[in-house]
Amino acid sequence: MNVARLLILLAVLVAGLVIGALNSQAMTLNLGFTAIHSSTGLAIIVALLSGALVGAGLVLVGLVIPLYSRLRKAQKTVPAVAPVVPPSSTFDGR
């Protein structure tokens, strides 16, 4: 699993380098009160990263946290059950 994660990390890194190299034109992002000077490649990478972070945050808030709280509540309401031990038999198979 660690090798697969490393390969995915390297693929994303190479894709980021290619996007940055192919989009090296200068651009200005005007925000009204300030202007940010950057390359288009960097702007694309920052936009993709911020979109992934916002999407992950929405999934965390919308799904993971409510499901985790339901799981905790369900575990509190279920009484602890002693494990069932199978009865020992004197039958030896003959």
PDB file of N, CA and C in Angstrom:
ATOM      1  N   MET A   1       0.821  -1.195   0.000  1.00  0.00           N
ATOM      2  CA  MET A   1       0.000   0.000   0.000  1.00  0.00           C
ATOM      3  C   MET A   1       0.862   1.255   0.000  1.00  0.00           C
ATOM      4  N   ASN A   2       1.966   1.214   0.712  1.00  0.00           N
ATOM      5  CA  ASN A   2       2.834   2.391   0.756  1.00  0.00           C
ATOM      6  C   ASN A   2       3.452   2.677  -0.601  1.00  0.00           C
ATOM      7  N   VAL A   3       3.746   1.625  -1.373  1.00  0.00           N
ATOM      8  CA  VAL A   3       4.317   1.821  -2.705  1.00  0.00           C
ATOM      9  C   VAL A   3       3.286   2.482  -3.618  1.00  0.00           C
ATOM     10  N   ALA A   4       2.023   2.064  -3.502  1.00  0.00           N
ATOM     11  CA  ALA A   4       0.971   2.666  -4.323  1.00  0.00           C
ATOM     12  C   ALA A   4       0.798   4.140  -3.975  1.00  0.00           C
ATOM     13  N   ARG A   5       0.827   4.463  -2.695  1.00  0.00           N
ATOM     14  CA  ARG A   5       0.712   5.872  -2.289  1.00  0.00           C
ATOM     15  C   ARG A   5       1.882   6.693  -2.812  1.00  0.00           C
ATOM     16  N   LEU A   6       3.072   6.116  -2.776  1.00  0.00           N
ATOM     17  CA  LEU A   6       4.249   6.818  -3.276  1.00  0.00           C
ATOM     18  C   LEU A   6       4.137   7.064  -4.776  1.00  0.00           C
ATOM     19  N   LEU A   7       3.653   6.071  -5.517  1.00  0.00           N
ATOM     20  CA  LEU A   7       3.491   6.242  -6.960  1.00  0.00           C
ATOM     21  C   LEU A   7       2.439   7.294  -7.286  1.00  0.00           C
ATOM     22  N   ILE A   8       1.339   7.308  -6.538  1.00  0.00           N
ATOM     23  CA  ILE A   8       0.307   8.328  -6.748  1.00  0.00           C
ATOM     24  C   ILE A   8       0.859   9.709  -6.432  1.00  0.00           C
ATOM     25  N   LEU A   9       1.622   9.831  -5.343  1.00  0.00           N
ATOM     26  CA  LEU A   9       2.233  11.104  -4.975  1.00  0.00           C
ATOM     27  C   LEU A   9       3.179  11.595  -6.064  1.00  0.00           C
ATOM     28  N   LEU A  10       3.992  10.698  -6.597  1.00  0.00           N
ATOM     29  CA  LEU A  10       4.919  11.083  -7.663  1.00  0.00           C
ATOM     30  C   LEU A  10       4.167  11.483  -8.938  1.00  0.00           C
ATOM     31  N   ALA A  11       3.079  10.781  -9.260  1.00  0.00           N
ATOM     32  CA  ALA A  11       2.293  11.126 -10.449  1.00  0.00           C
ATOM     33  C   ALA A  11       1.667  12.508 -10.310  1.00  0.00           C
ATOM     34  N   VAL A  12       1.138  12.816  -9.120  1.00  0.00           N
ATOM     35  CA  VAL A  12       0.546  14.136  -8.897  1.00  0.00           C
ATOM     36  C   VAL A  12       1.621  15.216  -8.940  1.00  0.00           C
ATOM     37  N   LEU A  13       2.787  14.930  -8.385  1.00  0.00           N
ATOM     38  CA  LEU A  13       3.889  15.889  -8.418  1.00  0.00           C
ATOM     39  C   LEU A  13       4.339  16.171  -9.849  1.00  0.00           C
ATOM     40  N   VAL A  14       4.464  15.135 -10.655  1.00  0.00           N
ATOM     41  CA  VAL A  14       4.868  15.316 -12.053  1.00  0.00           C
ATOM     42  C   VAL A  14       3.790  16.093 -12.814  1.00  0.00           C
ATOM     43  N   ALA A  15       2.508  15.778 -12.547  1.00  0.00           N
ATOM     44  CA  ALA A  15       1.427  16.506 -13.209  1.00  0.00           C
ATOM     45  C   ALA A  15       1.464  17.985 -12.831  1.00  0.00           C
ATOM     46  N   GLY A  16       1.736  18.291 -11.570  1.00  0.00           N
ATOM     47  CA  GLY A  16       1.851  19.683 -11.148  1.00  0.00           C
ATOM     48  C   GLY A  16       3.013  20.393 -11.807  1.00  0.00           C
ATOM     49  N   LEU A  17       4.140  19.701 -11.923  1.00  0.00           N
ATOM     50  CA  LEU A  17       5.295  20.296 -12.596  1.00  0.00           C
ATOM     51  C   LEU A  17       5.010  20.544 -14.077  1.00  0.00           C
ATOM     52  N   VAL A  18       4.328  19.611 -14.724  1.00  0.00           N
ATOM     53  CA  VAL A  18       3.999  19.780 -16.144  1.00  0.00           C
ATOM     54  C   VAL A  18       3.031  20.945 -16.331  1.00  0.00           C
ATOM     55  N   ILE A  19       2.009  21.029 -15.469  1.00  0.00           N
ATOM     56  CA  ILE A  19       1.054  22.148 -15.559  1.00  0.00           C
ATOM     57  C   ILE A  19       1.776  23.473 -15.339  1.00  0.00           C
ATOM     58  N   GLY A  20       2.660  23.522 -14.364  1.00  0.00           N
ATOM     59  CA  GLY A  20       3.399  24.756 -14.097  1.00  0.00           C
ATOM     60  C   GLY A  20       4.329  25.138 -15.233  1.00  0.00           C
ATOM     61  N   ALA A  21       4.951  24.143 -15.861  1.00  0.00           N
ATOM     62  CA  ALA A  21       5.891  24.432 -16.949  1.00  0.00           C
ATOM     63  C   ALA A  21       5.169  24.850 -18.228  1.00  0.00           C
ATOM     64  N   LEU A  22       4.034  24.234 -18.504  1.00  0.00           N
ATOM     65  CA  LEU A  22       3.320  24.554 -19.741  1.00  0.00           C
ATOM     66  C   LEU A  22       2.540  25.855 -19.661  1.00  0.00           C
ATOM     67  N   ASN A  23       2.247  26.322 -18.463  1.00  0.00           N
ATOM     68  CA  ASN A  23       1.461  27.549 -18.278  1.00  0.00           C
ATOM     69  C   ASN A  23       2.298  28.572 -17.511  1.00  0.00           C
ATOM     70  N   SER A  24       3.319  29.075 -18.147  1.00  0.00           N
ATOM     71  CA  SER A  24       4.229  29.995 -17.469  1.00  0.00           C
ATOM     72  C   SER A  24       3.953  31.468 -17.788  1.00  0.00           C
ATOM     73  N   GLN A  25       2.830  31.762 -18.437  1.00  0.00           N
ATOM     74  CA  GLN A  25       2.510  33.144 -18.753  1.00  0.00           C
ATOM     75  C   GLN A  25       2.164  33.902 -17.472  1.00  0.00           C
ATOM     76  N   ALA A  26       2.550  35.162 -17.456  1.00  0.00           N
ATOM     77  CA  ALA A  26       2.252  35.998 -16.290  1.00  0.00           C
ATOM     78  C   ALA A  26       0.793  36.435 -16.330  1.00  0.00           C
ATOM     79  N   MET A  27       0.193  36.524 -15.157  1.00  0.00           N
ATOM     80  CA  MET A  27      -1.193  36.974 -15.055  1.00  0.00           C
ATOM     81  C   MET A  27      -1.355  37.801 -13.797  1.00  0.00           C
ATOM     82  N   THR A  28      -2.380  38.625 -13.782  1.00  0.00           N
ATOM     83  CA  THR A  28      -2.696  39.435 -12.617  1.00  0.00           C
ATOM     84  C   THR A  28      -4.125  39.129 -12.204  1.00  0.00           C
ATOM     85  N   LEU A  29      -4.298  38.760 -10.949  1.00  0.00           N
ATOM     86  CA  LEU A  29      -5.620  38.494 -10.397  1.00  0.00           C
ATOM     87  C   LEU A  29      -6.018  39.701  -9.576  1.00  0.00           C
ATOM     88  N   ASN A  30      -7.016  40.449 -10.043  1.00  0.00           N
ATOM     89  CA  ASN A  30      -7.454  41.662  -9.378  1.00  0.00           C
ATOM     90  C   ASN A  30      -8.592  41.326  -8.427  1.00  0.00           C
ATOM     91  N   LEU A  31      -8.403  41.573  -7.136  1.00  0.00           N
ATOM     92  CA  LEU A  31      -9.406  41.284  -6.121  1.00  0.00           C
ATOM     93  C   LEU A  31     -10.173  42.523  -5.670  1.00  0.00           C
ATOM     94  N   GLY A  32     -10.001  43.617  -6.308  1.00  0.00           N
ATOM     95  CA  GLY A  32     -10.694  44.853  -5.951  1.00  0.00           C
ATOM     96  C   GLY A  32      -9.853  45.717  -5.028  1.00  0.00           C
ATOM     97  N   PHE A  33      -9.445  45.161  -3.910  1.00  0.00           N
ATOM     98  CA  PHE A  33      -8.632  45.922  -2.959  1.00  0.00           C
ATOM     99  C   PHE A  33      -7.142  45.641  -3.120  1.00  0.00           C
ATOM    100  N   THR A  34      -6.786  44.590  -3.830  1.00  0.00           N
ATOM    101  CA  THR A  34      -5.390  44.266  -4.096  1.00  0.00           C
ATOM    102  C   THR A  34      -5.303  43.471  -5.390  1.00  0.00           C
ATOM    103  N   ALA A  35      -4.099  43.362  -5.900  1.00  0.00           N
ATOM    104  CA  ALA A  35      -3.859  42.581  -7.110  1.00  0.00           C
ATOM    105  C   ALA A  35      -2.742  41.585  -6.827  1.00  0.00           C
ATOM    106  N   ILE A  36      -2.911  40.372  -7.308  1.00  0.00           N
ATOM    107  CA  ILE A  36      -1.917  39.322  -7.113  1.00  0.00           C
ATOM    108  C   ILE A  36      -1.308  39.008  -8.470  1.00  0.00           C
ATOM    109  N   HIS A  37       0.017  39.089  -8.554  1.00  0.00           N
ATOM    110  CA  HIS A  37       0.744  38.780  -9.775  1.00  0.00           C
ATOM    111  C   HIS A  37       1.300  37.367  -9.636  1.00  0.00           C
ATOM    112  N   SER A  38       0.998  36.535 -10.648  1.00  0.00           N
ATOM    113  CA  SER A  38       1.406  35.137 -10.586  1.00  0.00           C
ATOM    114  C   SER A  38       1.474  34.578 -11.998  1.00  0.00           C
ATOM    115  N   SER A  39       1.893  33.336 -12.108  1.00  0.00           N
ATOM    116  CA  SER A  39       1.833  32.647 -13.393  1.00  0.00           C
ATOM    117  C   SER A  39       0.525  31.872 -13.459  1.00  0.00           C
ATOM    118  N   THR A  40       0.077  31.561 -14.660  1.00  0.00           N
ATOM    119  CA  THR A  40      -1.183  30.840 -14.801  1.00  0.00           C
ATOM    120  C   THR A  40      -1.075  29.423 -14.261  1.00  0.00           C
ATOM    121  N   GLY A  41       0.074  28.805 -14.378  1.00  0.00           N
ATOM    122  CA  GLY A  41       0.259  27.456 -13.849  1.00  0.00           C
ATOM    123  C   GLY A  41       0.086  27.406 -12.346  1.00  0.00           C
ATOM    124  N   LEU A  42       0.681  28.379 -11.652  1.00  0.00           N
ATOM    125  CA  LEU A  42       0.545  28.435 -10.198  1.00  0.00           C
ATOM    126  C   LEU A  42      -0.894  28.717  -9.796  1.00  0.00           C
ATOM    127  N   ALA A  43      -1.571  29.580 -10.553  1.00  0.00           N
ATOM    128  CA  ALA A  43      -2.969  29.888 -10.255  1.00  0.00           C
ATOM    129  C   ALA A  43      -3.849  28.656 -10.444  1.00  0.00           C
ATOM    130  N   ILE A  44      -3.588  27.854 -11.470  1.00  0.00           N
ATOM    131  CA  ILE A  44      -4.361  26.631 -11.707  1.00  0.00           C
ATOM    132  C   ILE A  44      -4.136  25.640 -10.567  1.00  0.00           C
ATOM    133  N   ILE A  45      -2.892  25.451 -10.157  1.00  0.00           N
ATOM    134  CA  ILE A  45      -2.576  24.498  -9.092  1.00  0.00           C
ATOM    135  C   ILE A  45      -3.194  24.937  -7.772  1.00  0.00           C
ATOM    136  N   VAL A  46      -3.128  26.232  -7.468  1.00  0.00           N
ATOM    137  CA  VAL A  46      -3.727  26.740  -6.222  1.00  0.00           C
ATOM    138  C   VAL A  46      -5.244  26.576  -6.267  1.00  0.00           C
ATOM    139  N   ALA A  47      -5.855  26.821  -7.418  1.00  0.00           N
ATOM    140  CA  ALA A  47      -7.303  26.649  -7.534  1.00  0.00           C
ATOM    141  C   ALA A  47      -7.710  25.189  -7.355  1.00  0.00           C
ATOM    142  N   LEU A  48      -6.961  24.262  -7.936  1.00  0.00           N
ATOM    143  CA  LEU A  48      -7.262  22.839  -7.773  1.00  0.00           C
ATOM    144  C   LEU A  48      -7.087  22.392  -6.330  1.00  0.00           C
ATOM    145  N   LEU A  49      -6.021  22.848  -5.683  1.00  0.00           N
ATOM    146  CA  LEU A  49      -5.766  22.474  -4.287  1.00  0.00           C
ATOM    147  C   LEU A  49      -6.837  23.037  -3.363  1.00  0.00           C
ATOM    148  N   SER A  50      -7.204  24.301  -3.579  1.00  0.00           N
ATOM    149  CA  SER A  50      -8.237  24.895  -2.720  1.00  0.00           C
ATOM    150  C   SER A  50      -9.594  24.225  -2.958  1.00  0.00           C
ATOM    151  N   GLY A  51      -9.902  23.845  -4.172  1.00  0.00           N
ATOM    152  CA  GLY A  51     -11.145  23.125  -4.451  1.00  0.00           C
ATOM    153  C   GLY A  51     -11.175  21.759  -3.787  1.00  0.00           C
ATOM    154  N   ALA A  52     -10.044  21.058  -3.804  1.00  0.00           N
ATOM    155  CA  ALA A  52      -9.980  19.755  -3.144  1.00  0.00           C
ATOM    156  C   ALA A  52     -10.136  19.902  -1.637  1.00  0.00           C
ATOM    157  N   LEU A  53      -9.531  20.921  -1.055  1.00  0.00           N
ATOM    158  CA  LEU A  53      -9.644  21.137   0.389  1.00  0.00           C
ATOM    159  C   LEU A  53     -11.064  21.530   0.792  1.00  0.00           C
ATOM    160  N   VAL A  54     -11.705  22.383   0.001  1.00  0.00           N
ATOM    161  CA  VAL A  54     -13.079  22.772   0.310  1.00  0.00           C
ATOM    162  C   VAL A  54     -14.012  21.572   0.157  1.00  0.00           C
ATOM    163  N   GLY A  55     -13.817  20.768  -0.875  1.00  0.00           N
ATOM    164  CA  GLY A  55     -14.637  19.569  -1.064  1.00  0.00           C
ATOM    165  C   GLY A  55     -14.450  18.565   0.060  1.00  0.00           C
ATOM    166  N   ALA A  56     -13.219  18.360   0.485  1.00  0.00           N
ATOM    167  CA  ALA A  56     -12.960  17.440   1.598  1.00  0.00           C
ATOM    168  C   ALA A  56     -13.572  17.965   2.885  1.00  0.00           C
ATOM    169  N   GLY A  57     -13.515  19.257   3.096  1.00  0.00           N
ATOM    170  CA  GLY A  57     -14.128  19.848   4.286  1.00  0.00           C
ATOM    171  C   GLY A  57     -15.633  19.688   4.285  1.00  0.00           C
ATOM    172  N   LEU A  58     -16.262  19.859   3.121  1.00  0.00           N
ATOM    173  CA  LEU A  58     -17.715  19.675   3.028  1.00  0.00           C
ATOM    174  C   LEU A  58     -18.116  18.226   3.277  1.00  0.00           C
ATOM    175  N   VAL A  59     -17.342  17.284   2.762  1.00  0.00           N
ATOM    176  CA  VAL A  59     -17.628  15.867   3.024  1.00  0.00           C
ATOM    177  C   VAL A  59     -17.451  15.560   4.504  1.00  0.00           C
ATOM    178  N   LEU A  60     -16.427  16.121   5.114  1.00  0.00           N
ATOM    179  CA  LEU A  60     -16.188  15.898   6.538  1.00  0.00           C
ATOM    180  C   LEU A  60     -17.343  16.438   7.373  1.00  0.00           C
ATOM    181  N   VAL A  61     -17.763  17.656   7.081  1.00  0.00           N
ATOM    182  CA  VAL A  61     -18.838  18.279   7.862  1.00  0.00           C
ATOM    183  C   VAL A  61     -20.192  17.661   7.531  1.00  0.00           C
ATOM    184  N   GLY A  62     -20.423  17.325   6.288  1.00  0.00           N
ATOM    185  CA  GLY A  62     -21.730  16.836   5.877  1.00  0.00           C
ATOM    186  C   GLY A  62     -21.968  15.360   6.112  1.00  0.00           C
ATOM    187  N   LEU A  63     -20.912  14.540   6.091  1.00  0.00           N
ATOM    188  CA  LEU A  63     -21.096  13.101   6.209  1.00  0.00           C
ATOM    189  C   LEU A  63     -20.371  12.472   7.385  1.00  0.00           C
ATOM    190  N   VAL A  64     -19.093  12.721   7.497  1.00  0.00           N
ATOM    191  CA  VAL A  64     -18.269  11.981   8.446  1.00  0.00           C
ATOM    192  C   VAL A  64     -18.619  12.327   9.891  1.00  0.00           C
ATOM    193  N   ILE A  65     -18.708  13.584  10.210  1.00  0.00           N
ATOM    194  CA  ILE A  65     -18.987  13.984  11.598  1.00  0.00           C
ATOM    195  C   ILE A  65     -20.380  13.530  12.041  1.00  0.00           C
ATOM    196  N   PRO A  66     -21.447  13.709  11.229  1.00  0.00           N
ATOM    197  CA  PRO A  66     -22.755  13.190  11.669  1.00  0.00           C
ATOM    198  C   PRO A  66     -22.778  11.666  11.822  1.00  0.00           C
ATOM    199  N   LEU A  67     -22.131  10.938  10.906  1.00  0.00           N
ATOM    200  CA  LEU A  67     -22.104   9.487  11.036  1.00  0.00           C
ATOM    201  C   LEU A  67     -21.318   9.053  12.263  1.00  0.00           C
ATOM    202  N   TYR A  68     -20.243   9.746  12.564  1.00  0.00           N
ATOM    203  CA  TYR A  68     -19.451   9.410  13.744  1.00  0.00           C
ATOM    204  C   TYR A  68     -20.256   9.664  15.018  1.00  0.00           C
ATOM    205  N   SER A  69     -21.032  10.747  15.058  1.00  0.00           N
ATOM    206  CA  SER A  69     -21.839  11.013  16.246  1.00  0.00           C
ATOM    207  C   SER A  69     -22.967   9.988  16.375  1.00  0.00           C
ATOM    208  N   ARG A  70     -23.572   9.556  15.252  1.00  0.00           N
ATOM    209  CA  ARG A  70     -24.589   8.511  15.320  1.00  0.00           C
ATOM    210  C   ARG A  70     -23.994   7.197  15.812  1.00  0.00           C
ATOM    211  N   LEU A  71     -22.773   6.886  15.381  1.00  0.00           N
ATOM    212  CA  LEU A  71     -22.120   5.662  15.827  1.00  0.00           C
ATOM    213  C   LEU A  71     -21.846   5.701  17.321  1.00  0.00           C
ATOM    214  N   ARG A  72     -21.366   6.837  17.822  1.00  0.00           N
ATOM    215  CA  ARG A  72     -21.127   6.958  19.267  1.00  0.00           C
ATOM    216  C   ARG A  72     -22.420   6.819  20.045  1.00  0.00           C
ATOM    217  N   LYS A  73     -23.486   7.456  19.556  1.00  0.00           N
ATOM    218  CA  LYS A  73     -24.776   7.373  20.237  1.00  0.00           C
ATOM    219  C   LYS A  73     -25.301   5.934  20.227  1.00  0.00           C
ATOM    220  N   ALA A  74     -25.138   5.224  19.117  1.00  0.00           N
ATOM    221  CA  ALA A  74     -25.600   3.841  19.021  1.00  0.00           C
ATOM    222  C   ALA A  74     -24.796   2.926  19.936  1.00  0.00           C
ATOM    223  N   GLN A  75     -23.516   3.187  20.072  1.00  0.00           N
ATOM    224  CA  GLN A  75     -22.689   2.358  20.953  1.00  0.00           C
ATOM    225  C   GLN A  75     -23.028   2.606  22.412  1.00  0.00           C
ATOM    226  N   LYS A  76     -23.482   3.796  22.759  1.00  0.00           N
ATOM    227  CA  LYS A  76     -23.851   4.088  24.149  1.00  0.00           C
ATOM    228  C   LYS A  76     -25.165   3.414  24.515  1.00  0.00           C
ATOM    229  N   THR A  77     -26.091   3.289  23.559  1.00  0.00           N
ATOM    230  CA  THR A  77     -27.403   2.733  23.872  1.00  0.00           C
ATOM    231  C   THR A  77     -27.413   1.210  23.897  1.00  0.00           C
ATOM    232  N   VAL A  78     -26.491   0.553  23.218  1.00  0.00           N
ATOM    233  CA  VAL A  78     -26.447  -0.905  23.188  1.00  0.00           C
ATOM    234  C   VAL A  78     -25.713  -1.397  24.429  1.00  0.00           C
ATOM    235  N   PRO A  79     -26.350  -2.272  25.233  1.00  0.00           N
ATOM    236  CA  PRO A  79     -25.657  -2.780  26.419  1.00  0.00           C
ATOM    237  C   PRO A  79     -24.548  -3.751  26.025  1.00  0.00           C
ATOM    238  N   ALA A  80     -23.532  -3.802  26.862  1.00  0.00           N
ATOM    239  CA  ALA A  80     -22.413  -4.691  26.597  1.00  0.00           C
ATOM    240  C   ALA A  80     -22.871  -6.130  26.780  1.00  0.00           C
ATOM    241  N   VAL A  81     -22.573  -6.979  25.818  1.00  0.00           N
ATOM    242  CA  VAL A  81     -22.977  -8.375  25.848  1.00  0.00           C
ATOM    243  C   VAL A  81     -21.742  -9.223  26.096  1.00  0.00           C
ATOM    244  N   ALA A  82     -21.861 -10.174  27.033  1.00  0.00           N
ATOM    245  CA  ALA A  82     -20.753 -11.081  27.320  1.00  0.00           C
ATOM    246  C   ALA A  82     -20.565 -12.021  26.134  1.00  0.00           C
ATOM    247  N   PRO A  83     -19.325 -12.359  25.791  1.00  0.00           N
ATOM    248  CA  PRO A  83     -19.098 -13.254  24.661  1.00  0.00           C
ATOM    249  C   PRO A  83     -19.643 -14.650  24.959  1.00  0.00           C
ATOM    250  N   VAL A  84     -20.205 -15.273  23.942  1.00  0.00           N
ATOM    251  CA  VAL A  84     -20.782 -16.609  24.082  1.00  0.00           C
ATOM    252  C   VAL A  84     -19.679 -17.634  23.898  1.00  0.00           C
ATOM    253  N   VAL A  85     -19.522 -18.483  24.895  1.00  0.00           N
ATOM    254  CA  VAL A  85     -18.502 -19.537  24.835  1.00  0.00           C
ATOM    255  C   VAL A  85     -19.199 -20.822  24.420  1.00  0.00           C
ATOM    256  N   PRO A  86     -18.725 -21.486  23.370  1.00  0.00           N
ATOM    257  CA  PRO A  86     -19.381 -22.728  22.948  1.00  0.00           C
ATOM    258  C   PRO A  86     -19.199 -23.810  24.012  1.00  0.00           C
ATOM    259  N   PRO A  87     -20.226 -24.627  24.190  1.00  0.00           N
ATOM    260  CA  PRO A  87     -20.117 -25.677  25.207  1.00  0.00           C
ATOM    261  C   PRO A  87     -19.074 -26.709  24.816  1.00  0.00           C
ATOM    262  N   SER A  88     -18.327 -27.164  25.787  1.00  0.00           N
ATOM    263  CA  SER A  88     -17.314 -28.179  25.501  1.00  0.00           C
ATOM    264  C   SER A  88     -17.988 -29.544  25.458  1.00  0.00           C
ATOM    265  N   SER A  89     -17.583 -30.343  24.517  1.00  0.00           N
ATOM    266  CA  SER A  89     -18.181 -31.660  24.319  1.00  0.00           C
ATOM    267  C   SER A  89     -17.146 -32.731  24.642  1.00  0.00           C
ATOM    268  N   THR A  90     -17.614 -33.835  25.210  1.00  0.00           N
ATOM    269  CA  THR A  90     -16.709 -34.942  25.491  1.00  0.00           C
ATOM    270  C   THR A  90     -16.638 -35.905  24.323  1.00  0.00           C
ATOM    271  N   PHE A  91     -17.377 -35.625  23.251  1.00  0.00           N
ATOM    272  CA  PHE A  91     -17.371 -36.485  22.069  1.00  0.00           C
ATOM    273  C   PHE A  91     -16.031 -36.321  21.354  1.00  0.00           C
ATOM    274  N   ASP A  92     -15.290 -37.411  21.183  1.00  0.00           N
ATOM    275  CA  ASP A  92     -13.963 -37.322  20.597  1.00  0.00           C
ATOM    276  C   ASP A  92     -13.951 -37.729  19.123  1.00  0.00           C
ATOM    277  N   GLY A  93     -15.104 -37.991  18.518  1.00  0.00           N
ATOM    278  CA  GLY A  93     -15.156 -38.236  17.088  1.00  0.00           C
ATOM    279  C   GLY A  93     -15.158 -39.702  16.705  1.00  0.00           C
ATOM    280  N   ARG A  94     -15.225 -40.622  17.654  1.00  0.00           N
ATOM    281  CA  ARG A  94     -15.231 -42.046  17.304  1.00  0.00           C
ATOM    282  C   ARG A  94     -16.605 -42.570  17.082  1.00  0.00           C
TER     283      ARG A  94
END
